[in-house]
C-alpha atoms as a PDB file:
ATOM      1  CA  UNK A   1     -14.822  13.899  -6.057  1.00  0.00           C
ATOM      2  CA  UNK A   2     -11.369  13.264  -4.692  1.00  0.00           C
ATOM      3  CA  UNK A   3     -10.950  13.442  -0.938  1.00  0.00           C
ATOM      4  CA  UNK A   4      -8.003  15.810  -1.442  1.00  0.00           C
ATOM      5  CA  UNK A   5     -10.178  18.471  -3.098  1.00  0.00           C
ATOM      6  CA  UNK A   6     -12.692  20.369  -0.987  1.00  0.00           C
ATOM      7  CA  UNK A   7     -15.747  22.497  -1.719  1.00  0.00           C
ATOM      8  CA  UNK A   8     -16.092  25.963  -0.175  1.00  0.00           C
ATOM      9  CA  UNK A   9     -18.147  24.539   2.702  1.00  0.00           C
ATOM     10  CA  UNK A  10     -15.668  21.721   3.343  1.00  0.00           C
ATOM     11  CA  UNK A  11     -12.779  24.211   3.255  1.00  0.00           C
ATOM     12  CA  UNK A  12     -14.629  26.433   5.724  1.00  0.00           C
ATOM     13  CA  UNK A  13     -15.039  23.437   8.037  1.00  0.00           C
ATOM     14  CA  UNK A  14     -11.349  22.539   7.681  1.00  0.00           C
ATOM     15  CA  UNK A  15     -10.350  26.131   8.468  1.00  0.00           C
ATOM     16  CA  UNK A  16     -12.918  26.435  11.279  1.00  0.00           C
ATOM     17  CA  UNK A  17     -14.422  29.460   9.531  1.00  0.00           C
ATOM     18  CA  UNK A  18     -18.101  30.267   9.976  1.00  0.00           C
ATOM     19  CA  UNK A  19     -18.945  32.558   7.039  1.00  0.00           C
ATOM     20  CA  UNK A  20     -18.004  33.124   3.422  1.00  0.00           C
ATOM     21  CA  UNK A  21     -16.696  36.655   4.043  1.00  0.00           C
ATOM     22  CA  UNK A  22     -13.949  35.261   6.259  1.00  0.00           C
ATOM     23  CA  UNK A  23     -13.113  32.605   3.666  1.00  0.00           C
ATOM     24  CA  UNK A  24     -12.864  35.325   1.012  1.00  0.00           C
ATOM     25  CA  UNK A  25     -10.490  37.302   3.249  1.00  0.00           C
ATOM     26  CA  UNK A  26      -8.287  34.222   3.568  1.00  0.00           C
ATOM     27  CA  UNK A  27      -8.296  33.870  -0.226  1.00  0.00           C
ATOM     28  CA  UNK A  28      -7.258  37.532  -0.507  1.00  0.00           C
ATOM     29  CA  UNK A  29      -4.476  36.786   1.995  1.00  0.00           C
ATOM     30  CA  UNK A  30      -3.125  34.087  -0.294  1.00  0.00           C
ATOM     31  CA  UNK A  31      -5.127  30.896   0.289  1.00  0.00           C
ATOM     32  CA  UNK A  32      -4.802  29.066  -3.054  1.00  0.00           C
ATOM     33  CA  UNK A  33      -7.969  28.139  -4.952  1.00  0.00           C
ATOM     34  CA  UNK A  34      -8.660  25.811  -7.850  1.00  0.00           C
ATOM     35  CA  UNK A  35     -11.097  27.531 -10.180  1.00  0.00           C
ATOM     36  CA  UNK A  36     -12.781  26.046 -13.248  1.00  0.00           C
ATOM     37  CA  UNK A  37     -15.529  28.289 -14.552  1.00  0.00           C
ATOM     38  CA  UNK A  38     -17.852  29.037 -11.663  1.00  0.00           C
ATOM     39  CA  UNK A  39     -16.568  26.119  -9.564  1.00  0.00           C
ATOM     40  CA  UNK A  40     -14.136  26.905  -6.767  1.00  0.00           C
ATOM     41  CA  UNK A  41     -12.313  24.123  -4.959  1.00  0.00           C
ATOM     42  CA  UNK A  42      -9.517  23.920  -2.413  1.00  0.00           C
ATOM     43  CA  UNK A  43      -6.691  21.424  -2.015  1.00  0.00           C
ATOM     44  CA  UNK A  44      -6.241  19.932   1.459  1.00  0.00           C
ATOM     45  CA  UNK A  45      -2.470  20.186   1.073  1.00  0.00           C
ATOM     46  CA  UNK A  46      -2.756  23.869   0.052  1.00  0.00           C
ATOM     47  CA  UNK A  47      -4.876  24.560   3.140  1.00  0.00           C
ATOM     48  CA  UNK A  48      -2.336  22.803   5.371  1.00  0.00           C
ATOM     49  CA  UNK A  49       0.557  24.731   3.817  1.00  0.00           C
ATOM     50  CA  UNK A  50      -1.328  28.028   4.138  1.00  0.00           C
ATOM     51  CA  UNK A  51      -2.051  27.376   7.821  1.00  0.00           C
ATOM     52  CA  UNK A  52       1.558  26.376   8.478  1.00  0.00           C
ATOM     53  CA  UNK A  53       2.856  29.512   6.765  1.00  0.00           C
ATOM     54  CA  UNK A  54       0.471  31.805   8.673  1.00  0.00           C
ATOM     55  CA  UNK A  55       0.822  30.202  12.102  1.00  0.00           C
ATOM     56  CA  UNK A  56       2.725  32.355  14.570  1.00  0.00           C
ATOM     57  CA  UNK A  57       5.661  30.588  16.197  1.00  0.00           C
ATOM     58  CA  UNK A  58       7.127  31.033  19.667  1.00  0.00           C
ATOM     59  CA  UNK A  59       3.943  31.996  21.506  1.00  0.00           C
ATOM     60  CA  UNK A  60       3.332  35.210  19.565  1.00  0.00           C
ATOM     61  CA  UNK A  61      -0.291  36.322  19.605  1.00  0.00           C
ATOM     62  CA  UNK A  62      -2.006  35.961  16.229  1.00  0.00           C
ATOM     63  CA  UNK A  63      -4.119  39.055  16.839  1.00  0.00           C
ATOM     64  CA  UNK A  64      -3.054  42.253  18.525  1.00  0.00           C
END
């Protein structure tokens, strides 16, 4: 498997997420997935872009 493609568990580690429900919420929020049949994979570059897009700038709190 290519190092640029991650399993669900590897994506959770990269996102510092502890359970699958949170990962699913991120997918619903727009985190791109690569799906082939029942296999779900994530691109490292897609994860980086997603985090960059959803990171608050200028000291704004992420949660209110």
